[in-house]
Every structure is written in structure tokens, then in C-alpha cells.
Amino acid sequence: MAKKLYRSTTQRMLGGVCGGLAEYFDMDVSLVRLMFVGVCMVTAVLPMTFFYIISWIVVPAERPKP
């Protein structure tokens, strides 16, 4: 079965996008958040803010595990 990208409901601070990316790529969520902040600083914050908001809208939340 292919992996799918979902927003995390357990590893979330704001929308769960970074938590979902960390779970998808099997990485530490803190590392993904630090990389996101680093890219925000390099790209003058606005493009990555738009990326995060669009990802928050487009990527579905993960389903609760029974």
C-alpha cells in the first residue's frame, strides 16, 4: 500500500502540516519544524507562510486510529 500524506493530529502545533511531513518522511518532527523555519528565513517568510496555509487547506487530516 502506498503511503499518503496527512496532517498529523497528534504531532501538531498549529495545523499539523509539519507533523504530517515528519511522519511521511519518517523524520523527527522538531527537525522538520527547524528546516521549515530556516527556509522561511531564507525566503523572506511570506512564500512559506502561503505554502503552509495552502497545505493546511489541501492536505487532509489523518483519520483517528481505532
PDB file of N, CA and C in Angstrom:
ATOM      1  N   MET A   1       0.840  -1.175   0.000  1.00  0.00           N
ATOM      2  CA  MET A   1       0.000   0.000   0.000  1.00  0.00           C
ATOM      3  C   MET A   1       0.889   1.243   0.000  1.00  0.00           C
ATOM      4  N   ALA A   2       0.559   2.207  -0.805  1.00  0.00           N
ATOM      5  CA  ALA A   2       1.339   3.432  -0.913  1.00  0.00           C
ATOM      6  C   ALA A   2       1.081   4.341   0.289  1.00  0.00           C
ATOM      7  N   LYS A   3       2.146   5.043   0.696  1.00  0.00           N
ATOM      8  CA  LYS A   3       1.990   5.992   1.791  1.00  0.00           C
ATOM      9  C   LYS A   3       1.242   7.212   1.287  1.00  0.00           C
ATOM     10  N   LYS A   4       0.436   7.800   2.161  1.00  0.00           N
ATOM     11  CA  LYS A   4      -0.280   9.025   1.829  1.00  0.00           C
ATOM     12  C   LYS A   4       0.087  10.101   2.833  1.00  0.00           C
ATOM     13  N   LEU A   5       0.072  11.328   2.366  1.00  0.00           N
ATOM     14  CA  LEU A   5       0.391  12.467   3.213  1.00  0.00           C
ATOM     15  C   LEU A   5      -0.872  12.959   3.892  1.00  0.00           C
ATOM     16  N   TYR A   6      -0.834  13.020   5.217  1.00  0.00           N
ATOM     17  CA  TYR A   6      -1.934  13.540   6.017  1.00  0.00           C
ATOM     18  C   TYR A   6      -1.381  14.553   7.006  1.00  0.00           C
ATOM     19  N   ARG A   7      -2.222  15.503   7.413  1.00  0.00           N
ATOM     20  CA  ARG A   7      -1.851  16.393   8.509  1.00  0.00           C
ATOM     21  C   ARG A   7      -1.943  15.587   9.794  1.00  0.00           C
ATOM     22  N   SER A   8      -0.982  15.732  10.641  1.00  0.00           N
ATOM     23  CA  SER A   8      -0.945  14.980  11.887  1.00  0.00           C
ATOM     24  C   SER A   8      -1.928  15.560  12.899  1.00  0.00           C
ATOM     25  N   THR A   9      -2.613  14.680  13.596  1.00  0.00           N
ATOM     26  CA  THR A   9      -3.493  15.130  14.673  1.00  0.00           C
ATOM     27  C   THR A   9      -2.821  14.976  16.031  1.00  0.00           C
ATOM     28  N   THR A  10      -1.713  14.240  16.072  1.00  0.00           N
ATOM     29  CA  THR A  10      -1.012  14.042  17.340  1.00  0.00           C
ATOM     30  C   THR A  10       0.221  14.925  17.465  1.00  0.00           C
ATOM     31  N   GLN A  11       0.926  15.177  16.365  1.00  0.00           N
ATOM     32  CA  GLN A  11       2.153  15.977  16.372  1.00  0.00           C
ATOM     33  C   GLN A  11       1.882  17.355  15.779  1.00  0.00           C
ATOM     34  N   ARG A  12       0.927  18.070  16.320  1.00  0.00           N
ATOM     35  CA  ARG A  12       0.569  19.354  15.748  1.00  0.00           C
ATOM     36  C   ARG A  12       0.825  20.492  16.727  1.00  0.00           C
ATOM     37  N   MET A  13       1.226  21.619  16.167  1.00  0.00           N
ATOM     38  CA  MET A  13       1.340  22.845  16.946  1.00  0.00           C
ATOM     39  C   MET A  13       0.334  23.861  16.426  1.00  0.00           C
ATOM     40  N   LEU A  14       0.228  23.936  15.108  1.00  0.00           N
ATOM     41  CA  LEU A  14      -0.710  24.868  14.501  1.00  0.00           C
ATOM     42  C   LEU A  14      -1.707  24.075  13.658  1.00  0.00           C
ATOM     43  N   GLY A  15      -1.285  23.602  12.510  1.00  0.00           N
ATOM     44  CA  GLY A  15      -2.202  22.879  11.634  1.00  0.00           C
ATOM     45  C   GLY A  15      -1.856  21.416  11.455  1.00  0.00           C
ATOM     46  N   GLY A  16      -0.684  20.995  11.883  1.00  0.00           N
ATOM     47  CA  GLY A  16      -0.275  19.607  11.749  1.00  0.00           C
ATOM     48  C   GLY A  16       0.456  19.295  10.457  1.00  0.00           C
ATOM     49  N   VAL A  17       0.771  20.331   9.661  1.00  0.00           N
ATOM     50  CA  VAL A  17       1.433  20.109   8.379  1.00  0.00           C
ATOM     51  C   VAL A  17       2.850  19.571   8.581  1.00  0.00           C
ATOM     52  N   CYS A  18       3.628  20.200   9.433  1.00  0.00           N
ATOM     53  CA  CYS A  18       4.999  19.735   9.683  1.00  0.00           C
ATOM     54  C   CYS A  18       4.998  18.351  10.334  1.00  0.00           C
ATOM     55  N   GLY A  19       4.053  18.112  11.221  1.00  0.00           N
ATOM     56  CA  GLY A  19       3.938  16.789  11.841  1.00  0.00           C
ATOM     57  C   GLY A  19       3.611  15.721  10.819  1.00  0.00           C
ATOM     58  N   GLY A  20       2.738  16.045   9.876  1.00  0.00           N
ATOM     59  CA  GLY A  20       2.398  15.102   8.811  1.00  0.00           C
ATOM     60  C   GLY A  20       3.575  14.831   7.887  1.00  0.00           C
ATOM     61  N   LEU A  21       4.323  15.882   7.550  1.00  0.00           N
ATOM     62  CA  LEU A  21       5.512  15.699   6.726  1.00  0.00           C
ATOM     63  C   LEU A  21       6.552  14.841   7.441  1.00  0.00           C
ATOM     64  N   ALA A  22       6.704  15.056   8.734  1.00  0.00           N
ATOM     65  CA  ALA A  22       7.664  14.265   9.512  1.00  0.00           C
ATOM     66  C   ALA A  22       7.265  12.793   9.531  1.00  0.00           C
ATOM     67  N   GLU A  23       5.992  12.517   9.698  1.00  0.00           N
ATOM     68  CA  GLU A  23       5.527  11.127   9.687  1.00  0.00           C
ATOM     69  C   GLU A  23       5.683  10.509   8.299  1.00  0.00           C
ATOM     70  N   TYR A  24       5.407  11.279   7.253  1.00  0.00           N
ATOM     71  CA  TYR A  24       5.505  10.772   5.883  1.00  0.00           C
ATOM     72  C   TYR A  24       6.944  10.409   5.535  1.00  0.00           C
ATOM     73  N   PHE A  25       7.896  11.283   5.896  1.00  0.00           N
ATOM     74  CA  PHE A  25       9.301  11.047   5.577  1.00  0.00           C
ATOM     75  C   PHE A  25      10.049  10.316   6.687  1.00  0.00           C
ATOM     76  N   ASP A  26       9.349   9.908   7.746  1.00  0.00           N
ATOM     77  CA  ASP A  26       9.922   9.174   8.874  1.00  0.00           C
ATOM     78  C   ASP A  26      11.105   9.947   9.475  1.00  0.00           C
ATOM     79  N   MET A  27      10.833  11.202   9.824  1.00  0.00           N
ATOM     80  CA  MET A  27      11.836  12.087  10.419  1.00  0.00           C
ATOM     81  C   MET A  27      11.323  12.594  11.764  1.00  0.00           C
ATOM     82  N   ASP A  28      12.207  13.201  12.519  1.00  0.00           N
ATOM     83  CA  ASP A  28      11.826  13.828  13.774  1.00  0.00           C
ATOM     84  C   ASP A  28      11.069  15.119  13.463  1.00  0.00           C
ATOM     85  N   VAL A  29       9.948  15.326  14.126  1.00  0.00           N
ATOM     86  CA  VAL A  29       9.110  16.489  13.853  1.00  0.00           C
ATOM     87  C   VAL A  29       9.830  17.797  14.188  1.00  0.00           C
ATOM     88  N   SER A  30      10.682  17.792  15.188  1.00  0.00           N
ATOM     89  CA  SER A  30      11.431  19.005  15.535  1.00  0.00           C
ATOM     90  C   SER A  30      12.387  19.402  14.413  1.00  0.00           C
ATOM     91  N   LEU A  31      12.992  18.423  13.771  1.00  0.00           N
ATOM     92  CA  LEU A  31      13.895  18.691  12.658  1.00  0.00           C
ATOM     93  C   LEU A  31      13.130  19.292  11.482  1.00  0.00           C
ATOM     94  N   VAL A  32      11.953  18.781  11.187  1.00  0.00           N
ATOM     95  CA  VAL A  32      11.136  19.320  10.096  1.00  0.00           C
ATOM     96  C   VAL A  32      10.724  20.755  10.406  1.00  0.00           C
ATOM     97  N   ARG A  33      10.351  21.017  11.637  1.00  0.00           N
ATOM     98  CA  ARG A  33       9.971  22.387  12.026  1.00  0.00           C
ATOM     99  C   ARG A  33      11.157  23.346  11.917  1.00  0.00           C
ATOM    100  N   LEU A  34      12.338  22.904  12.340  1.00  0.00           N
ATOM    101  CA  LEU A  34      13.528  23.747  12.223  1.00  0.00           C
ATOM    102  C   LEU A  34      13.876  24.022  10.766  1.00  0.00           C
ATOM    103  N   MET A  35      13.744  23.005   9.909  1.00  0.00           N
ATOM    104  CA  MET A  35      14.002  23.215   8.483  1.00  0.00           C
ATOM    105  C   MET A  35      12.983  24.187   7.897  1.00  0.00           C
ATOM    106  N   PHE A  36      11.732  24.079   8.311  1.00  0.00           N
ATOM    107  CA  PHE A  36      10.696  24.986   7.823  1.00  0.00           C
ATOM    108  C   PHE A  36      11.002  26.424   8.226  1.00  0.00           C
ATOM    109  N   VAL A  37      11.395  26.637   9.474  1.00  0.00           N
ATOM    110  CA  VAL A  37      11.736  27.981   9.942  1.00  0.00           C
ATOM    111  C   VAL A  37      12.970  28.502   9.205  1.00  0.00           C
ATOM    112  N   GLY A  38      13.953  27.640   8.978  1.00  0.00           N
ATOM    113  CA  GLY A  38      15.143  28.048   8.237  1.00  0.00           C
ATOM    114  C   GLY A  38      14.812  28.484   6.815  1.00  0.00           C
ATOM    115  N   VAL A  39      13.966  27.719   6.142  1.00  0.00           N
ATOM    116  CA  VAL A  39      13.564  28.090   4.786  1.00  0.00           C
ATOM    117  C   VAL A  39      12.736  29.369   4.813  1.00  0.00           C
ATOM    118  N   CYS A  40      11.925  29.550   5.846  1.00  0.00           N
ATOM    119  CA  CYS A  40      11.161  30.799   5.992  1.00  0.00           C
ATOM    120  C   CYS A  40      12.095  31.996   6.077  1.00  0.00           C
ATOM    121  N   MET A  41      13.161  31.871   6.832  1.00  0.00           N
ATOM    122  CA  MET A  41      14.093  32.986   6.992  1.00  0.00           C
ATOM    123  C   MET A  41      14.822  33.298   5.687  1.00  0.00           C
ATOM    124  N   VAL A  42      15.145  32.269   4.918  1.00  0.00           N
ATOM    125  CA  VAL A  42      15.864  32.465   3.666  1.00  0.00           C
ATOM    126  C   VAL A  42      14.960  33.063   2.586  1.00  0.00           C
ATOM    127  N   THR A  43      13.687  32.663   2.574  1.00  0.00           N
ATOM    128  CA  THR A  43      12.772  33.114   1.514  1.00  0.00           C
ATOM    129  C   THR A  43      11.922  34.301   1.936  1.00  0.00           C
ATOM    130  N   ALA A  44      12.275  34.976   2.975  1.00  0.00           N
ATOM    131  CA  ALA A  44      11.576  36.183   3.439  1.00  0.00           C
ATOM    132  C   ALA A  44      10.172  35.892   3.966  1.00  0.00           C
ATOM    133  N   VAL A  45       9.962  34.774   4.593  1.00  0.00           N
ATOM    134  CA  VAL A  45       8.786  34.367   5.354  1.00  0.00           C
ATOM    135  C   VAL A  45       7.491  34.252   4.527  1.00  0.00           C
ATOM    136  N   LEU A  46       7.161  35.213   3.707  1.00  0.00           N
ATOM    137  CA  LEU A  46       5.870  35.238   3.024  1.00  0.00           C
ATOM    138  C   LEU A  46       5.597  34.021   2.135  1.00  0.00           C
ATOM    139  N   PRO A  47       6.522  33.573   1.270  1.00  0.00           N
ATOM    140  CA  PRO A  47       6.218  32.401   0.443  1.00  0.00           C
ATOM    141  C   PRO A  47       5.940  31.136   1.260  1.00  0.00           C
ATOM    142  N   MET A  48       6.698  30.914   2.308  1.00  0.00           N
ATOM    143  CA  MET A  48       6.497  29.713   3.118  1.00  0.00           C
ATOM    144  C   MET A  48       5.217  29.815   3.943  1.00  0.00           C
ATOM    145  N   THR A  49       4.823  31.022   4.314  1.00  0.00           N
ATOM    146  CA  THR A  49       3.558  31.199   5.012  1.00  0.00           C
ATOM    147  C   THR A  49       2.402  30.811   4.093  1.00  0.00           C
ATOM    148  N   PHE A  50       2.471  31.246   2.835  1.00  0.00           N
ATOM    149  CA  PHE A  50       1.448  30.850   1.864  1.00  0.00           C
ATOM    150  C   PHE A  50       1.451  29.342   1.652  1.00  0.00           C
ATOM    151  N   PHE A  51       2.653  28.739   1.542  1.00  0.00           N
ATOM    152  CA  PHE A  51       2.759  27.292   1.383  1.00  0.00           C
ATOM    153  C   PHE A  51       2.095  26.567   2.555  1.00  0.00           C
ATOM    154  N   TYR A  52       2.351  27.027   3.774  1.00  0.00           N
ATOM    155  CA  TYR A  52       1.792  26.379   4.951  1.00  0.00           C
ATOM    156  C   TYR A  52       0.269  26.491   4.970  1.00  0.00           C
ATOM    157  N   ILE A  53      -0.250  27.670   4.670  1.00  0.00           N
ATOM    158  CA  ILE A  53      -1.699  27.874   4.694  1.00  0.00           C
ATOM    159  C   ILE A  53      -2.377  27.038   3.606  1.00  0.00           C
ATOM    160  N   ILE A  54      -1.799  27.017   2.412  1.00  0.00           N
ATOM    161  CA  ILE A  54      -2.370  26.202   1.336  1.00  0.00           C
ATOM    162  C   ILE A  54      -2.293  24.724   1.684  1.00  0.00           C
ATOM    163  N   SER A  55      -1.178  24.281   2.266  1.00  0.00           N
ATOM    164  CA  SER A  55      -1.046  22.882   2.684  1.00  0.00           C
ATOM    165  C   SER A  55      -2.064  22.537   3.760  1.00  0.00           C
ATOM    166  N   TRP A  56      -2.316  23.462   4.660  1.00  0.00           N
ATOM    167  CA  TRP A  56      -3.279  23.254   5.732  1.00  0.00           C
ATOM    168  C   TRP A  56      -4.675  23.022   5.152  1.00  0.00           C
ATOM    169  N   ILE A  57      -4.988  23.730   4.070  1.00  0.00           N
ATOM    170  CA  ILE A  57      -6.299  23.604   3.437  1.00  0.00           C
ATOM    171  C   ILE A  57      -6.382  22.341   2.578  1.00  0.00           C
ATOM    172  N   VAL A  58      -5.325  22.039   1.805  1.00  0.00           N
ATOM    173  CA  VAL A  58      -5.378  20.988   0.812  1.00  0.00           C
ATOM    174  C   VAL A  58      -5.135  19.582   1.396  1.00  0.00           C
ATOM    175  N   VAL A  59      -4.191  19.457   2.302  1.00  0.00           N
ATOM    176  CA  VAL A  59      -3.825  18.139   2.847  1.00  0.00           C
ATOM    177  C   VAL A  59      -4.873  17.725   3.883  1.00  0.00           C
ATOM    178  N   PRO A  60      -5.463  16.550   3.707  1.00  0.00           N
ATOM    179  CA  PRO A  60      -6.489  16.117   4.661  1.00  0.00           C
ATOM    180  C   PRO A  60      -5.883  15.702   5.999  1.00  0.00           C
ATOM    181  N   ALA A  61      -6.673  15.836   7.047  1.00  0.00           N
ATOM    182  CA  ALA A  61      -6.243  15.396   8.374  1.00  0.00           C
ATOM    183  C   ALA A  61      -6.273  13.872   8.426  1.00  0.00           C
ATOM    184  N   GLU A  62      -5.358  13.300   9.213  1.00  0.00           N
ATOM    185  CA  GLU A  62      -5.334  11.844   9.317  1.00  0.00           C
ATOM    186  C   GLU A  62      -6.561  11.364  10.068  1.00  0.00           C
ATOM    187  N   ARG A  63      -6.976  10.179   9.731  1.00  0.00           N
ATOM    188  CA  ARG A  63      -8.136   9.597  10.382  1.00  0.00           C
ATOM    189  C   ARG A  63      -7.738   9.042  11.726  1.00  0.00           C
ATOM    190  N   PRO A  64      -8.622   9.166  12.717  1.00  0.00           N
ATOM    191  CA  PRO A  64      -8.283   8.607  14.043  1.00  0.00           C
ATOM    192  C   PRO A  64      -8.111   7.090  13.950  1.00  0.00           C
ATOM    193  N   LYS A  65      -7.109   6.608  14.654  1.00  0.00           N
ATOM    194  CA  LYS A  65      -6.843   5.158  14.666  1.00  0.00           C
ATOM    195  C   LYS A  65      -7.741   4.494  15.700  1.00  0.00           C
ATOM    196  N   PRO A  66      -8.386   3.410  15.295  1.00  0.00           N
ATOM    197  CA  PRO A  66      -9.309   2.735  16.237  1.00  0.00           C
ATOM    198  C   PRO A  66      -8.617   2.046  17.374  1.00  0.00           C
TER     199      PRO A  66
END
